[in-house]
Amino acid sequence: MRMKSSPKLRPNGWDALAAAAVLALAVACAALFWTGGEEIGPLTAVVSANGEPVDRVVLADLSGPEERTYTSNGYTLRVAFGPESAQVTVSDCPTQDCVHMGEITRGGQSIVCLPARIVVQLEGGAAADDGVDLVIG
């Protein structure tokens, strides 16, 4: 007994429509995520404790270094703000990960102290285009 051979597959109108939709989606995604390095507002440090914002510091408004102290969940952090950066300098949490994180200088970067549940996050500033994000091969 012979098996039927499969029919030859030929592109049709639906295939062209699907290819055009995928291409349009790819172009739309590329256009959406390509920022071009424009300014997106002043660099601002937002300090949150237990998920609630407790302080906002516009770094460009600072003339020099400024330290502020934050307490949450029984832990105290001292955060140093400068005209272009923020850094946790002292913490009494057990792991000290927030202190070892160092300075943050670009929008989107953050310092997290899990025991204290305090987050220092930078927003705004120039869109970062500081080199290669991924290398394959």
N, C-alpha and C. Protein backbone atom coordinates (compact mmCIF):
# COMPACT_ATOMS: atom_id res chain seq x y z
N MET A 1 0.82 -1.17 0.00
CA MET A 1 0.00 0.00 0.00
C MET A 1 0.88 1.25 0.00
N ARG A 2 0.62 2.16 -0.92
CA ARG A 2 1.42 3.39 -1.04
C ARG A 2 0.78 4.51 -0.25
N MET A 3 1.66 5.29 0.38
CA MET A 3 1.18 6.46 1.12
C MET A 3 1.05 7.64 0.16
N LYS A 4 0.09 8.47 0.44
CA LYS A 4 -0.08 9.67 -0.37
C LYS A 4 1.07 10.62 -0.11
N SER A 5 1.57 11.25 -1.14
CA SER A 5 2.61 12.25 -0.96
C SER A 5 1.95 13.56 -0.54
N SER A 6 2.69 14.31 0.23
CA SER A 6 2.13 15.57 0.70
C SER A 6 2.06 16.57 -0.45
N PRO A 7 1.08 17.44 -0.40
CA PRO A 7 0.97 18.42 -1.49
C PRO A 7 2.13 19.42 -1.43
N LYS A 8 2.47 19.93 -2.58
CA LYS A 8 3.54 20.93 -2.63
C LYS A 8 3.04 22.22 -1.99
N LEU A 9 3.87 22.77 -1.14
CA LEU A 9 3.51 24.02 -0.47
C LEU A 9 3.98 25.19 -1.31
N ARG A 10 3.04 26.06 -1.61
CA ARG A 10 3.36 27.26 -2.39
C ARG A 10 2.91 28.47 -1.60
N PRO A 11 3.70 29.56 -1.64
CA PRO A 11 3.27 30.78 -0.96
C PRO A 11 1.97 31.30 -1.58
N ASN A 12 1.13 31.83 -0.72
CA ASN A 12 -0.11 32.42 -1.22
C ASN A 12 -0.28 33.82 -0.63
N GLY A 13 -1.41 34.41 -0.84
CA GLY A 13 -1.67 35.78 -0.38
C GLY A 13 -1.60 35.93 1.14
N TRP A 14 -2.05 34.91 1.87
CA TRP A 14 -2.01 34.98 3.34
C TRP A 14 -0.58 34.98 3.86
N ASP A 15 0.31 34.25 3.19
CA ASP A 15 1.71 34.24 3.60
C ASP A 15 2.33 35.63 3.44
N ALA A 16 2.02 36.28 2.33
CA ALA A 16 2.53 37.63 2.11
C ALA A 16 1.98 38.60 3.14
N LEU A 17 0.71 38.45 3.51
CA LEU A 17 0.10 39.30 4.52
C LEU A 17 0.76 39.09 5.89
N ALA A 18 1.04 37.84 6.24
CA ALA A 18 1.70 37.54 7.52
C ALA A 18 3.11 38.12 7.55
N ALA A 19 3.85 37.99 6.44
CA ALA A 19 5.21 38.54 6.38
C ALA A 19 5.19 40.06 6.49
N ALA A 20 4.22 40.70 5.84
CA ALA A 20 4.10 42.16 5.92
C ALA A 20 3.76 42.60 7.34
N ALA A 21 2.90 41.85 8.03
CA ALA A 21 2.54 42.20 9.41
C ALA A 21 3.74 42.08 10.34
N VAL A 22 4.53 41.02 10.18
CA VAL A 22 5.73 40.85 11.01
C VAL A 22 6.73 41.97 10.74
N LEU A 23 6.92 42.33 9.49
CA LEU A 23 7.84 43.41 9.14
C LEU A 23 7.36 44.74 9.71
N ALA A 24 6.07 45.02 9.62
CA ALA A 24 5.52 46.27 10.17
C ALA A 24 5.69 46.31 11.69
N LEU A 25 5.47 45.19 12.36
CA LEU A 25 5.65 45.13 13.81
C LEU A 25 7.11 45.36 14.20
N ALA A 26 8.04 44.79 13.44
CA ALA A 26 9.46 44.98 13.73
C ALA A 26 9.86 46.45 13.56
N VAL A 27 9.38 47.09 12.52
CA VAL A 27 9.69 48.51 12.29
C VAL A 27 9.09 49.37 13.39
N ALA A 28 7.86 49.07 13.81
CA ALA A 28 7.21 49.84 14.88
C ALA A 28 7.96 49.69 16.20
N CYS A 29 8.41 48.48 16.51
CA CYS A 29 9.18 48.27 17.76
C CYS A 29 10.51 49.02 17.72
N ALA A 30 11.19 48.97 16.58
CA ALA A 30 12.46 49.68 16.46
C ALA A 30 12.26 51.18 16.62
N ALA A 31 11.22 51.72 16.03
CA ALA A 31 10.95 53.16 16.14
C ALA A 31 10.57 53.54 17.56
N LEU A 32 9.86 52.66 18.26
CA LEU A 32 9.43 52.94 19.63
C LEU A 32 10.61 53.01 20.59
N PHE A 33 11.58 52.12 20.43
CA PHE A 33 12.68 52.04 21.39
C PHE A 33 13.91 52.85 21.01
N TRP A 34 13.93 53.45 19.84
CA TRP A 34 15.08 54.24 19.43
C TRP A 34 14.87 55.66 19.91
N THR A 35 15.60 56.06 20.97
CA THR A 35 15.39 57.38 21.56
C THR A 35 16.29 58.44 20.96
N GLY A 36 17.42 58.09 20.42
CA GLY A 36 18.28 59.06 19.79
C GLY A 36 19.10 59.92 20.73
N GLY A 37 19.07 59.69 22.06
CA GLY A 37 19.92 60.38 23.01
C GLY A 37 19.45 61.76 23.42
N GLU A 38 18.17 62.05 23.30
CA GLU A 38 17.69 63.37 23.70
C GLU A 38 17.60 63.49 25.22
N GLU A 39 17.49 64.71 25.68
CA GLU A 39 17.34 65.00 27.11
C GLU A 39 15.92 64.63 27.54
N ILE A 40 15.78 63.94 28.66
CA ILE A 40 14.45 63.51 29.10
C ILE A 40 14.12 64.05 30.49
N GLY A 41 14.62 65.22 30.83
CA GLY A 41 14.31 65.85 32.11
C GLY A 41 15.52 65.87 33.02
N PRO A 42 15.45 66.66 34.09
CA PRO A 42 16.59 66.75 35.00
C PRO A 42 16.79 65.43 35.75
N LEU A 43 18.05 65.11 36.02
CA LEU A 43 18.39 63.90 36.77
C LEU A 43 17.89 64.06 38.20
N THR A 44 17.00 63.16 38.61
CA THR A 44 16.35 63.25 39.91
C THR A 44 16.50 61.94 40.66
N ALA A 45 16.88 62.01 41.93
CA ALA A 45 16.95 60.82 42.78
C ALA A 45 15.63 60.70 43.53
N VAL A 46 15.01 59.53 43.43
CA VAL A 46 13.76 59.25 44.14
C VAL A 46 14.07 58.19 45.19
N VAL A 47 13.84 58.53 46.46
CA VAL A 47 14.08 57.60 47.57
C VAL A 47 12.73 57.06 48.02
N SER A 48 12.61 55.73 48.04
CA SER A 48 11.37 55.07 48.47
C SER A 48 11.66 54.16 49.65
N ALA A 49 10.72 54.12 50.59
CA ALA A 49 10.80 53.20 51.72
C ALA A 49 9.51 52.41 51.76
N ASN A 50 9.63 51.10 51.81
CA ASN A 50 8.47 50.20 51.80
C ASN A 50 7.57 50.47 50.59
N GLY A 51 8.18 50.81 49.46
CA GLY A 51 7.43 51.02 48.23
C GLY A 51 6.79 52.38 48.08
N GLU A 52 6.92 53.25 49.07
CA GLU A 52 6.32 54.58 49.02
C GLU A 52 7.42 55.64 48.88
N PRO A 53 7.31 56.56 47.91
CA PRO A 53 8.31 57.63 47.79
C PRO A 53 8.33 58.50 49.05
N VAL A 54 9.54 58.73 49.58
CA VAL A 54 9.68 59.58 50.77
C VAL A 54 10.48 60.85 50.49
N ASP A 55 11.22 60.88 49.37
CA ASP A 55 12.05 62.06 49.08
C ASP A 55 12.37 62.08 47.59
N ARG A 56 12.45 63.29 47.04
CA ARG A 56 12.89 63.51 45.66
C ARG A 56 13.96 64.60 45.69
N VAL A 57 15.10 64.33 45.08
CA VAL A 57 16.20 65.29 45.06
C VAL A 57 16.59 65.52 43.60
N VAL A 58 16.41 66.76 43.13
CA VAL A 58 16.84 67.12 41.78
C VAL A 58 18.34 67.39 41.86
N LEU A 59 19.13 66.49 41.29
CA LEU A 59 20.59 66.55 41.47
C LEU A 59 21.19 67.78 40.82
N ALA A 60 20.64 68.24 39.71
CA ALA A 60 21.18 69.42 39.03
C ALA A 60 21.05 70.68 39.88
N ASP A 61 20.11 70.69 40.81
CA ASP A 61 19.91 71.86 41.67
C ASP A 61 20.93 71.94 42.81
N LEU A 62 21.69 70.87 43.02
CA LEU A 62 22.67 70.86 44.12
C LEU A 62 23.94 71.57 43.68
N SER A 63 24.49 72.40 44.56
CA SER A 63 25.74 73.09 44.24
C SER A 63 26.94 72.28 44.70
N GLY A 64 26.73 71.36 45.62
CA GLY A 64 27.80 70.51 46.13
C GLY A 64 27.21 69.27 46.76
N PRO A 65 28.06 68.44 47.36
CA PRO A 65 27.56 67.21 47.99
C PRO A 65 26.61 67.52 49.15
N GLU A 66 25.60 66.68 49.29
CA GLU A 66 24.62 66.83 50.36
C GLU A 66 24.28 65.44 50.88
N GLU A 67 24.27 65.26 52.19
CA GLU A 67 23.93 63.96 52.78
C GLU A 67 22.58 64.03 53.48
N ARG A 68 21.80 62.98 53.31
CA ARG A 68 20.51 62.86 53.99
C ARG A 68 20.42 61.47 54.61
N THR A 69 19.67 61.37 55.70
CA THR A 69 19.53 60.11 56.43
C THR A 69 18.10 59.61 56.32
N TYR A 70 17.97 58.30 56.07
CA TYR A 70 16.66 57.67 55.95
C TYR A 70 16.62 56.45 56.86
N THR A 71 15.48 56.25 57.54
CA THR A 71 15.30 55.12 58.45
C THR A 71 14.05 54.35 58.05
N SER A 72 14.18 53.02 58.01
CA SER A 72 13.04 52.16 57.68
C SER A 72 13.32 50.75 58.19
N ASN A 73 12.31 50.09 58.72
CA ASN A 73 12.41 48.71 59.22
C ASN A 73 13.54 48.54 60.23
N GLY A 74 13.83 49.56 61.00
CA GLY A 74 14.85 49.46 62.04
C GLY A 74 16.28 49.68 61.55
N TYR A 75 16.46 50.03 60.30
CA TYR A 75 17.80 50.28 59.74
C TYR A 75 17.89 51.73 59.29
N THR A 76 19.11 52.26 59.34
CA THR A 76 19.35 53.65 58.95
C THR A 76 20.38 53.69 57.83
N LEU A 77 20.09 54.47 56.80
CA LEU A 77 21.01 54.66 55.68
C LEU A 77 21.34 56.13 55.56
N ARG A 78 22.60 56.43 55.25
CA ARG A 78 23.01 57.78 54.94
C ARG A 78 23.34 57.81 53.45
N VAL A 79 22.64 58.68 52.72
CA VAL A 79 22.79 58.77 51.27
C VAL A 79 23.43 60.10 50.92
N ALA A 80 24.49 60.06 50.12
CA ALA A 80 25.17 61.27 49.65
C ALA A 80 24.70 61.57 48.23
N PHE A 81 24.21 62.79 48.04
CA PHE A 81 23.77 63.25 46.73
C PHE A 81 24.76 64.30 46.23
N GLY A 82 25.11 64.22 44.97
CA GLY A 82 25.95 65.22 44.34
C GLY A 82 25.26 65.72 43.09
N PRO A 83 25.85 66.70 42.40
CA PRO A 83 25.21 67.26 41.20
C PRO A 83 24.99 66.23 40.08
N GLU A 84 25.73 65.12 40.10
CA GLU A 84 25.59 64.13 39.03
C GLU A 84 25.47 62.70 39.53
N SER A 85 25.33 62.48 40.86
CA SER A 85 25.33 61.10 41.36
C SER A 85 24.64 60.98 42.71
N ALA A 86 24.39 59.74 43.08
CA ALA A 86 23.87 59.42 44.42
C ALA A 86 24.59 58.15 44.88
N GLN A 87 24.79 58.04 46.20
CA GLN A 87 25.52 56.90 46.74
C GLN A 87 25.13 56.70 48.20
N VAL A 88 24.93 55.43 48.60
CA VAL A 88 24.73 55.11 50.01
C VAL A 88 26.12 55.02 50.63
N THR A 89 26.41 55.90 51.59
CA THR A 89 27.74 55.93 52.19
C THR A 89 27.82 55.13 53.48
N VAL A 90 26.74 55.11 54.26
CA VAL A 90 26.74 54.40 55.54
C VAL A 90 25.39 53.71 55.70
N SER A 91 25.44 52.45 56.17
CA SER A 91 24.21 51.72 56.47
C SER A 91 24.50 50.77 57.62
N ASP A 92 23.50 50.55 58.48
CA ASP A 92 23.70 49.59 59.56
C ASP A 92 23.02 48.25 59.25
N CYS A 93 22.70 48.01 57.97
CA CYS A 93 22.12 46.72 57.59
C CYS A 93 23.22 45.66 57.59
N PRO A 94 22.87 44.38 57.76
CA PRO A 94 23.89 43.34 57.93
C PRO A 94 24.71 43.03 56.69
N THR A 95 24.15 43.15 55.49
CA THR A 95 24.89 42.72 54.30
C THR A 95 25.73 43.81 53.65
N GLN A 96 25.37 45.08 53.84
CA GLN A 96 26.10 46.22 53.28
C GLN A 96 26.13 46.24 51.75
N ASP A 97 25.22 45.51 51.10
CA ASP A 97 25.19 45.52 49.63
C ASP A 97 24.92 46.91 49.08
N CYS A 98 24.09 47.67 49.76
CA CYS A 98 23.75 49.02 49.30
C CYS A 98 24.97 49.94 49.33
N VAL A 99 25.85 49.76 50.29
CA VAL A 99 27.07 50.57 50.39
C VAL A 99 28.06 50.16 49.31
N HIS A 100 28.18 48.84 49.08
CA HIS A 100 29.13 48.33 48.09
C HIS A 100 28.69 48.62 46.65
N MET A 101 27.45 49.01 46.46
CA MET A 101 26.93 49.31 45.12
C MET A 101 27.67 50.49 44.49
N GLY A 102 28.13 51.43 45.30
CA GLY A 102 28.86 52.58 44.77
C GLY A 102 27.93 53.66 44.25
N GLU A 103 28.49 54.55 43.43
CA GLU A 103 27.73 55.67 42.88
C GLU A 103 26.83 55.22 41.74
N ILE A 104 25.67 55.85 41.64
CA ILE A 104 24.84 55.70 40.45
C ILE A 104 24.76 57.07 39.79
N THR A 105 24.84 57.08 38.45
CA THR A 105 24.98 58.35 37.74
C THR A 105 24.02 58.52 36.56
N ARG A 106 23.28 57.48 36.17
CA ARG A 106 22.41 57.56 34.99
C ARG A 106 20.98 57.21 35.35
N GLY A 107 20.05 57.80 34.63
CA GLY A 107 18.64 57.49 34.82
C GLY A 107 18.38 56.00 34.64
N GLY A 108 17.58 55.43 35.52
CA GLY A 108 17.27 54.01 35.48
C GLY A 108 18.10 53.18 36.44
N GLN A 109 19.23 53.69 36.89
CA GLN A 109 20.04 52.97 37.86
C GLN A 109 19.42 53.09 39.24
N SER A 110 19.68 52.08 40.09
CA SER A 110 19.12 52.13 41.44
C SER A 110 20.03 51.43 42.43
N ILE A 111 19.86 51.80 43.68
CA ILE A 111 20.52 51.15 44.81
C ILE A 111 19.40 50.62 45.69
N VAL A 112 19.49 49.35 46.07
CA VAL A 112 18.44 48.73 46.88
C VAL A 112 19.04 48.20 48.16
N CYS A 113 18.43 48.53 49.29
CA CYS A 113 18.79 47.94 50.58
C CYS A 113 17.61 47.05 50.98
N LEU A 114 17.76 45.75 50.81
CA LEU A 114 16.66 44.84 51.08
C LEU A 114 16.25 44.80 52.55
N PRO A 115 17.20 44.73 53.51
CA PRO A 115 16.75 44.68 54.91
C PRO A 115 15.96 45.93 55.31
N ALA A 116 16.38 47.09 54.84
CA ALA A 116 15.70 48.34 55.19
C ALA A 116 14.50 48.61 54.28
N ARG A 117 14.43 47.91 53.16
CA ARG A 117 13.39 48.13 52.15
C ARG A 117 13.41 49.57 51.65
N ILE A 118 14.63 50.07 51.41
CA ILE A 118 14.82 51.42 50.87
C ILE A 118 15.42 51.30 49.48
N VAL A 119 14.88 52.08 48.53
CA VAL A 119 15.37 52.10 47.16
C VAL A 119 15.72 53.54 46.81
N VAL A 120 16.92 53.74 46.25
CA VAL A 120 17.34 55.03 45.71
C VAL A 120 17.43 54.83 44.20
N GLN A 121 16.59 55.52 43.45
CA GLN A 121 16.55 55.33 42.01
C GLN A 121 16.69 56.67 41.30
N LEU A 122 17.48 56.68 40.21
CA LEU A 122 17.64 57.90 39.42
C LEU A 122 16.65 57.88 38.27
N GLU A 123 16.03 59.03 38.03
CA GLU A 123 15.10 59.21 36.92
C GLU A 123 15.56 60.40 36.10
N GLY A 124 15.24 60.39 34.81
CA GLY A 124 15.54 61.52 33.94
C GLY A 124 16.98 61.54 33.50
N GLY A 125 17.46 62.73 33.19
CA GLY A 125 18.82 62.88 32.68
C GLY A 125 18.86 62.59 31.20
N ALA A 126 20.04 62.66 30.63
CA ALA A 126 20.21 62.37 29.21
C ALA A 126 20.01 60.89 28.99
N ALA A 127 19.40 60.54 27.86
CA ALA A 127 19.25 59.13 27.52
C ALA A 127 20.63 58.53 27.37
N ALA A 128 20.87 57.43 28.04
CA ALA A 128 22.20 56.82 28.07
C ALA A 128 22.49 56.11 26.75
N ASP A 129 23.62 56.45 26.14
CA ASP A 129 24.13 55.73 24.98
C ASP A 129 25.61 55.56 25.22
N ASP A 130 25.94 54.67 26.14
CA ASP A 130 27.32 54.56 26.60
C ASP A 130 28.00 53.31 26.10
N GLY A 131 27.67 52.88 24.90
CA GLY A 131 28.42 51.77 24.34
C GLY A 131 27.56 50.58 24.01
N VAL A 132 28.25 49.47 23.86
CA VAL A 132 27.65 48.23 23.40
C VAL A 132 26.83 47.59 24.51
N ASP A 133 25.62 47.16 24.19
CA ASP A 133 24.78 46.45 25.15
C ASP A 133 24.96 44.95 25.06
N LEU A 134 25.30 44.42 23.87
CA LEU A 134 25.35 42.99 23.67
C LEU A 134 26.36 42.67 22.58
N VAL A 135 27.17 41.64 22.81
CA VAL A 135 28.11 41.17 21.80
C VAL A 135 27.86 39.68 21.62
N ILE A 136 27.65 39.27 20.39
CA ILE A 136 27.42 37.85 20.09
C ILE A 136 28.53 37.39 19.15
N GLY A 137 29.12 36.27 19.49
CA GLY A 137 30.11 35.69 18.58
C GLY A 137 31.45 35.84 19.04
